[in-house]
Amino acid sequence: MREERGTVSGDVRVFEPFTLWGSIGGNVNVIQGGKFYLRGGIYGNLTVEYGGRVHIFGNITGNLTVERGAKVIHSGVVGGNVLNDGGRLYIESMAKILGSLNTIDGDTKDERPAPNTT
């Protein structure tokens, strides 16, 4: 398994097991065969393509897109919008999404408490 503890500049394509403890200044694509454990931060967007697997413990400043055939567990913070376009998305109760959550297709399970409207 590859681990990165520093800062990576530019876009990254994940195609193998990879744990990020540091930060990436760019967009990240996780493709088939990629298993990405985000414990640091992404200063950009995260797209998970067919066959990609991701567990978010850290922060994403941009958007998260889950494409058909991808699986994501979200336990951290997404500063932008989250779009499920055919994958499996599980949002844990302590996770935060600062933008909107939209499901076009696929399975989205949101364990966060409903907002208080009173």
PDB file of N, CA and C in Angstrom:
ATOM      1  N   MET A   1       0.845  -1.180   0.000  1.00  0.00           N
ATOM      2  CA  MET A   1       0.000   0.000   0.000  1.00  0.00           C
ATOM      3  C   MET A   1       0.886   1.238   0.000  1.00  0.00           C
ATOM      4  N   ARG A   2       0.551   2.163  -0.854  1.00  0.00           N
ATOM      5  CA  ARG A   2       1.280   3.427  -0.932  1.00  0.00           C
ATOM      6  C   ARG A   2       0.739   4.388   0.123  1.00  0.00           C
ATOM      7  N   GLU A   3       1.635   5.110   0.796  1.00  0.00           N
ATOM      8  CA  GLU A   3       1.253   6.140   1.760  1.00  0.00           C
ATOM      9  C   GLU A   3       1.969   7.427   1.413  1.00  0.00           C
ATOM     10  N   GLU A   4       1.254   8.534   1.568  1.00  0.00           N
ATOM     11  CA  GLU A   4       1.838   9.856   1.323  1.00  0.00           C
ATOM     12  C   GLU A   4       1.563  10.714   2.540  1.00  0.00           C
ATOM     13  N   ARG A   5       2.640  11.298   3.101  1.00  0.00           N
ATOM     14  CA  ARG A   5       2.499  12.124   4.293  1.00  0.00           C
ATOM     15  C   ARG A   5       2.834  13.586   4.028  1.00  0.00           C
ATOM     16  N   GLY A   6       3.279  13.896   2.866  1.00  0.00           N
ATOM     17  CA  GLY A   6       3.659  15.264   2.533  1.00  0.00           C
ATOM     18  C   GLY A   6       2.597  15.965   1.716  1.00  0.00           C
ATOM     19  N   THR A   7       3.061  16.919   0.915  1.00  0.00           N
ATOM     20  CA  THR A   7       2.178  17.695   0.053  1.00  0.00           C
ATOM     21  C   THR A   7       2.445  17.323  -1.398  1.00  0.00           C
ATOM     22  N   VAL A   8       1.377  17.042  -2.135  1.00  0.00           N
ATOM     23  CA  VAL A   8       1.475  16.711  -3.548  1.00  0.00           C
ATOM     24  C   VAL A   8       0.833  17.850  -4.332  1.00  0.00           C
ATOM     25  N   SER A   9       1.556  18.386  -5.311  1.00  0.00           N
ATOM     26  CA  SER A   9       1.022  19.458  -6.157  1.00  0.00           C
ATOM     27  C   SER A   9       0.576  18.882  -7.487  1.00  0.00           C
ATOM     28  N   GLY A  10      -0.606  19.277  -7.929  1.00  0.00           N
ATOM     29  CA  GLY A  10      -1.110  18.813  -9.214  1.00  0.00           C
ATOM     30  C   GLY A  10      -2.128  17.702  -9.062  1.00  0.00           C
ATOM     31  N   ASP A  11      -2.724  17.334 -10.184  1.00  0.00           N
ATOM     32  CA  ASP A  11      -3.764  16.309 -10.193  1.00  0.00           C
ATOM     33  C   ASP A  11      -3.167  14.926  -9.954  1.00  0.00           C
ATOM     34  N   VAL A  12      -3.966  14.049  -9.326  1.00  0.00           N
ATOM     35  CA  VAL A  12      -3.512  12.702  -8.974  1.00  0.00           C
ATOM     36  C   VAL A  12      -4.549  11.692  -9.450  1.00  0.00           C
ATOM     37  N   ARG A  13      -4.070  10.573 -10.013  1.00  0.00           N
ATOM     38  CA  ARG A  13      -4.926   9.447 -10.402  1.00  0.00           C
ATOM     39  C   ARG A  13      -4.540   8.262  -9.520  1.00  0.00           C
ATOM     40  N   VAL A  14      -5.522   7.732  -8.781  1.00  0.00           N
ATOM     41  CA  VAL A  14      -5.280   6.625  -7.850  1.00  0.00           C
ATOM     42  C   VAL A  14      -5.738   5.333  -8.513  1.00  0.00           C
ATOM     43  N   PHE A  15      -4.812   4.354  -8.646  1.00  0.00           N
ATOM     44  CA  PHE A  15      -5.118   3.092  -9.309  1.00  0.00           C
ATOM     45  C   PHE A  15      -4.687   1.894  -8.473  1.00  0.00           C
ATOM     46  N   GLU A  16      -4.282   2.142  -7.218  1.00  0.00           N
ATOM     47  CA  GLU A  16      -3.807   1.108  -6.307  1.00  0.00           C
ATOM     48  C   GLU A  16      -4.208   1.519  -4.888  1.00  0.00           C
ATOM     49  N   PRO A  17      -4.038   0.652  -3.889  1.00  0.00           N
ATOM     50  CA  PRO A  17      -4.303   1.072  -2.513  1.00  0.00           C
ATOM     51  C   PRO A  17      -3.386   2.234  -2.120  1.00  0.00           C
ATOM     52  N   PHE A  18      -3.971   3.298  -1.578  1.00  0.00           N
ATOM     53  CA  PHE A  18      -3.236   4.538  -1.321  1.00  0.00           C
ATOM     54  C   PHE A  18      -3.857   5.244  -0.121  1.00  0.00           C
ATOM     55  N   THR A  19      -3.035   5.572   0.875  1.00  0.00           N
ATOM     56  CA  THR A  19      -3.480   6.343   2.036  1.00  0.00           C
ATOM     57  C   THR A  19      -2.801   7.697   2.005  1.00  0.00           C
ATOM     58  N   LEU A  20      -3.600   8.756   2.102  1.00  0.00           N
ATOM     59  CA  LEU A  20      -3.076  10.118   2.121  1.00  0.00           C
ATOM     60  C   LEU A  20      -3.220  10.688   3.524  1.00  0.00           C
ATOM     61  N   TRP A  21      -2.075  10.970   4.159  1.00  0.00           N
ATOM     62  CA  TRP A  21      -2.039  11.630   5.461  1.00  0.00           C
ATOM     63  C   TRP A  21      -1.739  13.110   5.285  1.00  0.00           C
ATOM     64  N   GLY A  22      -1.264  13.501   4.141  1.00  0.00           N
ATOM     65  CA  GLY A  22      -0.887  14.884   3.862  1.00  0.00           C
ATOM     66  C   GLY A  22      -1.964  15.604   3.083  1.00  0.00           C
ATOM     67  N   SER A  23      -1.545  16.345   2.042  1.00  0.00           N
ATOM     68  CA  SER A  23      -2.512  17.101   1.247  1.00  0.00           C
ATOM     69  C   SER A  23      -2.158  17.037  -0.236  1.00  0.00           C
ATOM     70  N   ILE A  24      -3.197  17.206  -1.049  1.00  0.00           N
ATOM     71  CA  ILE A  24      -3.047  17.266  -2.499  1.00  0.00           C
ATOM     72  C   ILE A  24      -3.628  18.586  -2.962  1.00  0.00           C
ATOM     73  N   GLY A  25      -2.826  19.360  -3.683  1.00  0.00           N
ATOM     74  CA  GLY A  25      -3.290  20.615  -4.269  1.00  0.00           C
ATOM     75  C   GLY A  25      -3.654  20.384  -5.711  1.00  0.00           C
ATOM     76  N   GLY A  26      -4.808  19.810  -5.950  1.00  0.00           N
ATOM     77  CA  GLY A  26      -5.270  19.479  -7.294  1.00  0.00           C
ATOM     78  C   GLY A  26      -6.448  18.537  -7.204  1.00  0.00           C
ATOM     79  N   ASN A  27      -6.917  18.087  -8.343  1.00  0.00           N
ATOM     80  CA  ASN A  27      -8.050  17.164  -8.393  1.00  0.00           C
ATOM     81  C   ASN A  27      -7.567  15.726  -8.297  1.00  0.00           C
ATOM     82  N   VAL A  28      -8.412  14.860  -7.728  1.00  0.00           N
ATOM     83  CA  VAL A  28      -8.069  13.447  -7.562  1.00  0.00           C
ATOM     84  C   VAL A  28      -9.130  12.600  -8.256  1.00  0.00           C
ATOM     85  N   ASN A  29      -8.680  11.638  -9.091  1.00  0.00           N
ATOM     86  CA  ASN A  29      -9.552  10.641  -9.718  1.00  0.00           C
ATOM     87  C   ASN A  29      -9.139   9.278  -9.197  1.00  0.00           C
ATOM     88  N   VAL A  30     -10.105   8.513  -8.703  1.00  0.00           N
ATOM     89  CA  VAL A  30      -9.854   7.143  -8.259  1.00  0.00           C
ATOM     90  C   VAL A  30     -10.490   6.232  -9.295  1.00  0.00           C
ATOM     91  N   ILE A  31      -9.668   5.395  -9.938  1.00  0.00           N
ATOM     92  CA  ILE A  31     -10.139   4.544 -11.027  1.00  0.00           C
ATOM     93  C   ILE A  31     -10.199   3.093 -10.561  1.00  0.00           C
ATOM     94  N   GLN A  32     -10.607   2.189 -11.461  1.00  0.00           N
ATOM     95  CA  GLN A  32     -10.730   0.776 -11.124  1.00  0.00           C
ATOM     96  C   GLN A  32      -9.424   0.251 -10.538  1.00  0.00           C
ATOM     97  N   GLY A  33      -9.538  -0.449  -9.418  1.00  0.00           N
ATOM     98  CA  GLY A  33      -8.372  -0.974  -8.717  1.00  0.00           C
ATOM     99  C   GLY A  33      -7.850  -0.043  -7.645  1.00  0.00           C
ATOM    100  N   GLY A  34      -8.288   1.203  -7.653  1.00  0.00           N
ATOM    101  CA  GLY A  34      -7.845   2.171  -6.656  1.00  0.00           C
ATOM    102  C   GLY A  34      -8.661   2.070  -5.382  1.00  0.00           C
ATOM    103  N   LYS A  35      -7.959   2.056  -4.247  1.00  0.00           N
ATOM    104  CA  LYS A  35      -8.587   2.095  -2.923  1.00  0.00           C
ATOM    105  C   LYS A  35      -7.920   3.231  -2.177  1.00  0.00           C
ATOM    106  N   PHE A  36      -8.652   4.306  -1.971  1.00  0.00           N
ATOM    107  CA  PHE A  36      -8.092   5.557  -1.472  1.00  0.00           C
ATOM    108  C   PHE A  36      -8.642   5.860  -0.088  1.00  0.00           C
ATOM    109  N   TYR A  37      -7.727   6.024   0.867  1.00  0.00           N
ATOM    110  CA  TYR A  37      -8.083   6.375   2.236  1.00  0.00           C
ATOM    111  C   TYR A  37      -7.603   7.799   2.476  1.00  0.00           C
ATOM    112  N   LEU A  38      -8.547   8.735   2.530  1.00  0.00           N
ATOM    113  CA  LEU A  38      -8.215  10.149   2.688  1.00  0.00           C
ATOM    114  C   LEU A  38      -8.247  10.515   4.161  1.00  0.00           C
ATOM    115  N   ARG A  39      -7.061  10.719   4.737  1.00  0.00           N
ATOM    116  CA  ARG A  39      -6.950  11.130   6.130  1.00  0.00           C
ATOM    117  C   ARG A  39      -6.417  12.556   6.229  1.00  0.00           C
ATOM    118  N   GLY A  40      -6.051  13.127   5.120  1.00  0.00           N
ATOM    119  CA  GLY A  40      -5.556  14.498   5.055  1.00  0.00           C
ATOM    120  C   GLY A  40      -6.548  15.377   4.321  1.00  0.00           C
ATOM    121  N   GLY A  41      -6.053  16.168   3.361  1.00  0.00           N
ATOM    122  CA  GLY A  41      -6.920  17.099   2.657  1.00  0.00           C
ATOM    123  C   GLY A  41      -6.680  17.122   1.164  1.00  0.00           C
ATOM    124  N   ILE A  42      -7.749  17.384   0.417  1.00  0.00           N
ATOM    125  CA  ILE A  42      -7.676  17.608  -1.023  1.00  0.00           C
ATOM    126  C   ILE A  42      -8.146  19.026  -1.278  1.00  0.00           C
ATOM    127  N   TYR A  43      -7.291  19.831  -1.891  1.00  0.00           N
ATOM    128  CA  TYR A  43      -7.645  21.194  -2.282  1.00  0.00           C
ATOM    129  C   TYR A  43      -8.019  21.164  -3.754  1.00  0.00           C
ATOM    130  N   GLY A  44      -9.190  20.605  -4.010  1.00  0.00           N
ATOM    131  CA  GLY A  44      -9.701  20.387  -5.356  1.00  0.00           C
ATOM    132  C   GLY A  44     -10.890  19.452  -5.271  1.00  0.00           C
ATOM    133  N   ASN A  45     -11.205  18.781  -6.376  1.00  0.00           N
ATOM    134  CA  ASN A  45     -12.350  17.871  -6.457  1.00  0.00           C
ATOM    135  C   ASN A  45     -11.897  16.421  -6.376  1.00  0.00           C
ATOM    136  N   LEU A  46     -12.796  15.559  -5.907  1.00  0.00           N
ATOM    137  CA  LEU A  46     -12.556  14.118  -5.874  1.00  0.00           C
ATOM    138  C   LEU A  46     -13.619  13.436  -6.717  1.00  0.00           C
ATOM    139  N   THR A  47     -13.182  12.666  -7.731  1.00  0.00           N
ATOM    140  CA  THR A  47     -14.083  11.889  -8.579  1.00  0.00           C
ATOM    141  C   THR A  47     -13.723  10.423  -8.432  1.00  0.00           C
ATOM    142  N   VAL A  48     -14.729   9.599  -8.115  1.00  0.00           N
ATOM    143  CA  VAL A  48     -14.511   8.163  -7.951  1.00  0.00           C
ATOM    144  C   VAL A  48     -15.205   7.473  -9.114  1.00  0.00           C
ATOM    145  N   GLU A  49     -14.406   6.825  -9.963  1.00  0.00           N
ATOM    146  CA  GLU A  49     -14.905   6.194 -11.180  1.00  0.00           C
ATOM    147  C   GLU A  49     -15.223   4.723 -10.943  1.00  0.00           C
ATOM    148  N   TYR A  50     -15.730   4.057 -11.985  1.00  0.00           N
ATOM    149  CA  TYR A  50     -16.111   2.647 -11.912  1.00  0.00           C
ATOM    150  C   TYR A  50     -14.986   1.811 -11.294  1.00  0.00           C
ATOM    151  N   GLY A  51     -15.330   1.022 -10.277  1.00  0.00           N
ATOM    152  CA  GLY A  51     -14.362   0.138  -9.640  1.00  0.00           C
ATOM    153  C   GLY A  51     -13.509   0.794  -8.578  1.00  0.00           C
ATOM    154  N   GLY A  52     -13.626   2.099  -8.395  1.00  0.00           N
ATOM    155  CA  GLY A  52     -12.861   2.802  -7.367  1.00  0.00           C
ATOM    156  C   GLY A  52     -13.538   2.701  -6.009  1.00  0.00           C
ATOM    157  N   ARG A  53     -12.727   2.691  -4.944  1.00  0.00           N
ATOM    158  CA  ARG A  53     -13.219   2.614  -3.569  1.00  0.00           C
ATOM    159  C   ARG A  53     -12.551   3.719  -2.768  1.00  0.00           C
ATOM    160  N   VAL A  54     -13.345   4.437  -1.955  1.00  0.00           N
ATOM    161  CA  VAL A  54     -12.800   5.559  -1.178  1.00  0.00           C
ATOM    162  C   VAL A  54     -13.429   5.580   0.206  1.00  0.00           C
ATOM    163  N   HIS A  55     -12.595   5.880   1.210  1.00  0.00           N
ATOM    164  CA  HIS A  55     -13.102   6.211   2.550  1.00  0.00           C
ATOM    165  C   HIS A  55     -12.530   7.572   2.910  1.00  0.00           C
ATOM    166  N   ILE A  56     -13.431   8.536   3.126  1.00  0.00           N
ATOM    167  CA  ILE A  56     -13.037   9.915   3.431  1.00  0.00           C
ATOM    168  C   ILE A  56     -13.075  10.118   4.936  1.00  0.00           C
ATOM    169  N   PHE A  57     -11.904  10.326   5.538  1.00  0.00           N
ATOM    170  CA  PHE A  57     -11.805  10.698   6.944  1.00  0.00           C
ATOM    171  C   PHE A  57     -11.443  12.175   7.063  1.00  0.00           C
ATOM    172  N   GLY A  58     -10.857  12.735   6.018  1.00  0.00           N
ATOM    173  CA  GLY A  58     -10.324  14.094   6.042  1.00  0.00           C
ATOM    174  C   GLY A  58     -11.241  15.096   5.371  1.00  0.00           C
ATOM    175  N   ASN A  59     -10.626  16.074   4.680  1.00  0.00           N
ATOM    176  CA  ASN A  59     -11.347  17.212   4.110  1.00  0.00           C
ATOM    177  C   ASN A  59     -11.138  17.327   2.604  1.00  0.00           C
ATOM    178  N   ILE A  60     -12.215  17.727   1.911  1.00  0.00           N
ATOM    179  CA  ILE A  60     -12.170  18.041   0.491  1.00  0.00           C
ATOM    180  C   ILE A  60     -12.739  19.443   0.342  1.00  0.00           C
ATOM    181  N   THR A  61     -11.983  20.359  -0.266  1.00  0.00           N
ATOM    182  CA  THR A  61     -12.496  21.724  -0.419  1.00  0.00           C
ATOM    183  C   THR A  61     -13.474  21.837  -1.582  1.00  0.00           C
ATOM    184  N   GLY A  62     -13.350  20.969  -2.556  1.00  0.00           N
ATOM    185  CA  GLY A  62     -14.200  21.026  -3.748  1.00  0.00           C
ATOM    186  C   GLY A  62     -15.368  20.067  -3.674  1.00  0.00           C
ATOM    187  N   ASN A  63     -15.706  19.489  -4.826  1.00  0.00           N
ATOM    188  CA  ASN A  63     -16.863  18.603  -4.964  1.00  0.00           C
ATOM    189  C   ASN A  63     -16.450  17.139  -4.931  1.00  0.00           C
ATOM    190  N   LEU A  64     -17.398  16.291  -4.551  1.00  0.00           N
ATOM    191  CA  LEU A  64     -17.238  14.839  -4.586  1.00  0.00           C
ATOM    192  C   LEU A  64     -18.237  14.286  -5.588  1.00  0.00           C
ATOM    193  N   THR A  65     -17.743  13.490  -6.561  1.00  0.00           N
ATOM    194  CA  THR A  65     -18.608  12.830  -7.538  1.00  0.00           C
ATOM    195  C   THR A  65     -18.377  11.330  -7.459  1.00  0.00           C
ATOM    196  N   VAL A  66     -19.469  10.582  -7.278  1.00  0.00           N
ATOM    197  CA  VAL A  66     -19.419   9.123  -7.209  1.00  0.00           C
ATOM    198  C   VAL A  66     -20.088   8.600  -8.476  1.00  0.00           C
ATOM    199  N   GLU A  67     -19.296   7.995  -9.364  1.00  0.00           N
ATOM    200  CA  GLU A  67     -19.823   7.518 -10.639  1.00  0.00           C
ATOM    201  C   GLU A  67     -20.310   6.074 -10.528  1.00  0.00           C
ATOM    202  N   ARG A  68     -20.970   5.602 -11.580  1.00  0.00           N
ATOM    203  CA  ARG A  68     -21.520   4.244 -11.615  1.00  0.00           C
ATOM    204  C   ARG A  68     -20.437   3.216 -11.283  1.00  0.00           C
ATOM    205  N   GLY A  69     -20.778   2.293 -10.378  1.00  0.00           N
ATOM    206  CA  GLY A  69     -19.862   1.219 -10.029  1.00  0.00           C
ATOM    207  C   GLY A  69     -18.808   1.579  -9.004  1.00  0.00           C
ATOM    208  N   ALA A  70     -18.861   2.774  -8.451  1.00  0.00           N
ATOM    209  CA  ALA A  70     -17.898   3.202  -7.426  1.00  0.00           C
ATOM    210  C   ALA A  70     -18.534   3.088  -6.044  1.00  0.00           C
ATOM    211  N   LYS A  71     -17.687   3.009  -5.009  1.00  0.00           N
ATOM    212  CA  LYS A  71     -18.171   2.936  -3.628  1.00  0.00           C
ATOM    213  C   LYS A  71     -17.421   3.954  -2.786  1.00  0.00           C
ATOM    214  N   VAL A  72     -18.184   4.722  -1.975  1.00  0.00           N
ATOM    215  CA  VAL A  72     -17.581   5.747  -1.116  1.00  0.00           C
ATOM    216  C   VAL A  72     -18.229   5.698   0.259  1.00  0.00           C
ATOM    217  N   ILE A  73     -17.391   5.757   1.300  1.00  0.00           N
ATOM    218  CA  ILE A  73     -17.842   5.985   2.670  1.00  0.00           C
ATOM    219  C   ILE A  73     -17.339   7.364   3.046  1.00  0.00           C
ATOM    220  N   HIS A  74     -18.262   8.232   3.456  1.00  0.00           N
ATOM    221  CA  HIS A  74     -17.903   9.614   3.790  1.00  0.00           C
ATOM    222  C   HIS A  74     -18.033   9.822   5.296  1.00  0.00           C
ATOM    223  N   SER A  75     -16.890  10.080   5.951  1.00  0.00           N
ATOM    224  CA  SER A  75     -16.848  10.315   7.393  1.00  0.00           C
ATOM    225  C   SER A  75     -16.243  11.667   7.719  1.00  0.00           C
ATOM    226  N   GLY A  76     -15.853  12.443   6.723  1.00  0.00           N
ATOM    227  CA  GLY A  76     -15.130  13.694   6.941  1.00  0.00           C
ATOM    228  C   GLY A  76     -15.938  14.912   6.569  1.00  0.00           C
ATOM    229  N   VAL A  77     -15.291  15.849   5.843  1.00  0.00           N
ATOM    230  CA  VAL A  77     -15.917  17.111   5.453  1.00  0.00           C
ATOM    231  C   VAL A  77     -15.722  17.325   3.952  1.00  0.00           C
ATOM    232  N   VAL A  78     -16.824  17.625   3.248  1.00  0.00           N
ATOM    233  CA  VAL A  78     -16.766  18.035   1.844  1.00  0.00           C
ATOM    234  C   VAL A  78     -17.245  19.477   1.786  1.00  0.00           C
ATOM    235  N   GLY A  79     -16.379  20.372   1.309  1.00  0.00           N
ATOM    236  CA  GLY A  79     -16.707  21.791   1.267  1.00  0.00           C
ATOM    237  C   GLY A  79     -17.641  22.173   0.141  1.00  0.00           C
ATOM    238  N   GLY A  80     -17.715  21.357  -0.893  1.00  0.00           N
ATOM    239  CA  GLY A  80     -18.567  21.650  -2.042  1.00  0.00           C
ATOM    240  C   GLY A  80     -19.776  20.742  -2.079  1.00  0.00           C
ATOM    241  N   ASN A  81     -20.194  20.403  -3.286  1.00  0.00           N
ATOM    242  CA  ASN A  81     -21.371  19.559  -3.502  1.00  0.00           C
ATOM    243  C   ASN A  81     -20.978  18.094  -3.605  1.00  0.00           C
ATOM    244  N   VAL A  82     -21.940  17.218  -3.287  1.00  0.00           N
ATOM    245  CA  VAL A  82     -21.753  15.776  -3.415  1.00  0.00           C
ATOM    246  C   VAL A  82     -22.791  15.263  -4.407  1.00  0.00           C
ATOM    247  N   LEU A  83     -22.322  14.531  -5.423  1.00  0.00           N
ATOM    248  CA  LEU A  83     -23.193  13.990  -6.460  1.00  0.00           C
ATOM    249  C   LEU A  83     -22.976  12.487  -6.572  1.00  0.00           C
ATOM    250  N   ASN A  84     -24.046  11.715  -6.398  1.00  0.00           N
ATOM    251  CA  ASN A  84     -24.000  10.281  -6.652  1.00  0.00           C
ATOM    252  C   ASN A  84     -24.629  10.045  -8.018  1.00  0.00           C
ATOM    253  N   ASP A  85     -23.813   9.607  -8.965  1.00  0.00           N
ATOM    254  CA  ASP A  85     -24.259   9.400 -10.339  1.00  0.00           C
ATOM    255  C   ASP A  85     -24.244   7.915 -10.699  1.00  0.00           C
ATOM    256  N   GLY A  86     -24.653   7.061  -9.737  1.00  0.00           N
ATOM    257  CA  GLY A  86     -24.784   5.646 -10.042  1.00  0.00           C
ATOM    258  C   GLY A  86     -23.975   4.724  -9.162  1.00  0.00           C
ATOM    259  N   GLY A  87     -23.269   5.248  -8.189  1.00  0.00           N
ATOM    260  CA  GLY A  87     -22.464   4.425  -7.303  1.00  0.00           C
ATOM    261  C   GLY A  87     -23.168   4.140  -5.991  1.00  0.00           C
ATOM    262  N   ARG A  88     -22.369   3.691  -5.022  1.00  0.00           N
ATOM    263  CA  ARG A  88     -22.870   3.467  -3.667  1.00  0.00           C
ATOM    264  C   ARG A  88     -22.192   4.473  -2.751  1.00  0.00           C
ATOM    265  N   LEU A  89     -22.994   5.275  -2.058  1.00  0.00           N
ATOM    266  CA  LEU A  89     -22.489   6.334  -1.191  1.00  0.00           C
ATOM    267  C   LEU A  89     -23.095   6.179   0.191  1.00  0.00           C
ATOM    268  N   TYR A  90     -22.233   6.033   1.197  1.00  0.00           N
ATOM    269  CA  TYR A  90     -22.669   5.938   2.585  1.00  0.00           C
ATOM    270  C   TYR A  90     -22.106   7.138   3.327  1.00  0.00           C
ATOM    271  N   ILE A  91     -22.994   7.926   3.953  1.00  0.00           N
ATOM    272  CA  ILE A  91     -22.592   9.128   4.677  1.00  0.00           C
ATOM    273  C   ILE A  91     -22.803   8.877   6.160  1.00  0.00           C
ATOM    274  N   GLU A  92     -21.705   8.841   6.923  1.00  0.00           N
ATOM    275  CA  GLU A  92     -21.799   8.571   8.357  1.00  0.00           C
ATOM    276  C   GLU A  92     -22.393   9.756   9.105  1.00  0.00           C
ATOM    277  N   SER A  93     -22.862   9.513  10.309  1.00  0.00           N
ATOM    278  CA  SER A  93     -23.616  10.513  11.075  1.00  0.00           C
ATOM    279  C   SER A  93     -22.820  11.770  11.394  1.00  0.00           C
ATOM    280  N   MET A  94     -21.520  11.680  11.544  1.00  0.00           N
ATOM    281  CA  MET A  94     -20.706  12.847  11.900  1.00  0.00           C
ATOM    282  C   MET A  94     -20.135  13.566  10.676  1.00  0.00           C
ATOM    283  N   ALA A  95     -20.389  13.057   9.487  1.00  0.00           N
ATOM    284  CA  ALA A  95     -19.867  13.671   8.260  1.00  0.00           C
ATOM    285  C   ALA A  95     -20.544  15.011   8.002  1.00  0.00           C
ATOM    286  N   LYS A  96     -19.819  15.881   7.290  1.00  0.00           N
ATOM    287  CA  LYS A  96     -20.359  17.198   6.948  1.00  0.00           C
ATOM    288  C   LYS A  96     -20.272  17.402   5.435  1.00  0.00           C
ATOM    289  N   ILE A  97     -21.337  17.984   4.880  1.00  0.00           N
ATOM    290  CA  ILE A  97     -21.376  18.404   3.481  1.00  0.00           C
ATOM    291  C   ILE A  97     -21.812  19.854   3.493  1.00  0.00           C
ATOM    292  N   LEU A  98     -20.920  20.761   3.084  1.00  0.00           N
ATOM    293  CA  LEU A  98     -21.223  22.183   3.146  1.00  0.00           C
ATOM    294  C   LEU A  98     -22.029  22.662   1.942  1.00  0.00           C
ATOM    295  N   GLY A  99     -22.013  21.911   0.871  1.00  0.00           N
ATOM    296  CA  GLY A  99     -22.825  22.216  -0.311  1.00  0.00           C
ATOM    297  C   GLY A  99     -24.076  21.362  -0.311  1.00  0.00           C
ATOM    298  N   SER A 100     -24.520  20.969  -1.498  1.00  0.00           N
ATOM    299  CA  SER A 100     -25.740  20.165  -1.621  1.00  0.00           C
ATOM    300  C   SER A 100     -25.396  18.695  -1.849  1.00  0.00           C
ATOM    301  N   LEU A 101     -26.359  17.834  -1.533  1.00  0.00           N
ATOM    302  CA  LEU A 101     -26.257  16.400  -1.778  1.00  0.00           C
ATOM    303  C   LEU A 101     -27.309  16.033  -2.809  1.00  0.00           C
ATOM    304  N   ASN A 102     -26.873  15.448  -3.943  1.00  0.00           N
ATOM    305  CA  ASN A 102     -27.794  15.054  -5.010  1.00  0.00           C
ATOM    306  C   ASN A 102     -27.513  13.620  -5.435  1.00  0.00           C
ATOM    307  N   THR A 103     -28.584  12.844  -5.612  1.00  0.00           N
ATOM    308  CA  THR A 103     -28.466  11.489  -6.127  1.00  0.00           C
ATOM    309  C   THR A 103     -29.218  11.416  -7.442  1.00  0.00           C
ATOM    310  N   ILE A 104     -28.482  11.241  -8.537  1.00  0.00           N
ATOM    311  CA  ILE A 104     -29.087  11.058  -9.857  1.00  0.00           C
ATOM    312  C   ILE A 104     -29.457   9.591 -10.033  1.00  0.00           C
ATOM    313  N   ASP A 105     -28.555   8.716  -9.605  1.00  0.00           N
ATOM    314  CA  ASP A 105     -28.746   7.275  -9.706  1.00  0.00           C
ATOM    315  C   ASP A 105     -27.877   6.636  -8.638  1.00  0.00           C
ATOM    316  N   GLY A 106     -28.107   5.367  -8.367  1.00  0.00           N
ATOM    317  CA  GLY A 106     -27.293   4.668  -7.392  1.00  0.00           C
ATOM    318  C   GLY A 106     -27.948   4.640  -6.022  1.00  0.00           C
ATOM    319  N   ASP A 107     -27.166   4.207  -5.040  1.00  0.00           N
ATOM    320  CA  ASP A 107     -27.653   4.011  -3.677  1.00  0.00           C
ATOM    321  C   ASP A 107     -26.949   4.980  -2.740  1.00  0.00           C
ATOM    322  N   THR A 108     -27.710   5.891  -2.136  1.00  0.00           N
ATOM    323  CA  THR A 108     -27.165   6.835  -1.167  1.00  0.00           C
ATOM    324  C   THR A 108     -27.827   6.588   0.174  1.00  0.00           C
ATOM    325  N   LYS A 109     -26.996   6.339   1.194  1.00  0.00           N
ATOM    326  CA  LYS A 109     -27.510   6.169   2.559  1.00  0.00           C
ATOM    327  C   LYS A 109     -26.912   7.277   3.406  1.00  0.00           C
ATOM    328  N   ASP A 110     -27.766   8.140   3.946  1.00  0.00           N
ATOM    329  CA  ASP A 110     -27.338   9.309   4.719  1.00  0.00           C
ATOM    330  C   ASP A 110     -27.735   9.113   6.175  1.00  0.00           C
ATOM    331  N   GLU A 111     -26.742   8.894   7.042  1.00  0.00           N
ATOM    332  CA  GLU A 111     -26.979   8.660   8.465  1.00  0.00           C
ATOM    333  C   GLU A 111     -26.948   9.940   9.291  1.00  0.00           C
ATOM    334  N   ARG A 112     -26.725  11.088   8.651  1.00  0.00           N
ATOM    335  CA  ARG A 112     -26.695  12.344   9.403  1.00  0.00           C
ATOM    336  C   ARG A 112     -28.081  12.650   9.954  1.00  0.00           C
ATOM    337  N   PRO A 113     -28.149  13.288  11.130  1.00  0.00           N
ATOM    338  CA  PRO A 113     -29.465  13.642  11.674  1.00  0.00           C
ATOM    339  C   PRO A 113     -30.160  14.665  10.778  1.00  0.00           C
ATOM    340  N   ALA A 114     -31.481  14.587  10.729  1.00  0.00           N
ATOM    341  CA  ALA A 114     -32.262  15.550   9.945  1.00  0.00           C
ATOM    342  C   ALA A 114     -32.095  16.939  10.540  1.00  0.00           C
ATOM    343  N   PRO A 115     -32.054  17.979   9.700  1.00  0.00           N
ATOM    344  CA  PRO A 115     -31.904  19.336  10.229  1.00  0.00           C
ATOM    345  C   PRO A 115     -33.106  19.727  11.088  1.00  0.00           C
ATOM    346  N   ASN A 116     -32.833  20.485  12.133  1.00  0.00           N
ATOM    347  CA  ASN A 116     -33.884  20.961  13.024  1.00  0.00           C
ATOM    348  C   ASN A 116     -34.572  22.158  12.378  1.00  0.00           C
ATOM    349  N   THR A 117     -35.850  22.052  12.103  1.00  0.00           N
ATOM    350  CA  THR A 117     -36.576  23.118  11.403  1.00  0.00           C
ATOM    351  C   THR A 117     -37.431  23.964  12.340  1.00  0.00           C
ATOM    352  N   THR A 118     -37.304  23.766  13.647  1.00  0.00           N
ATOM    353  CA  THR A 118     -38.104  24.570  14.589  1.00  0.00           C
ATOM    354  C   THR A 118     -37.335  25.746  15.097  1.00  0.00           C
TER     355      THR A 118
END
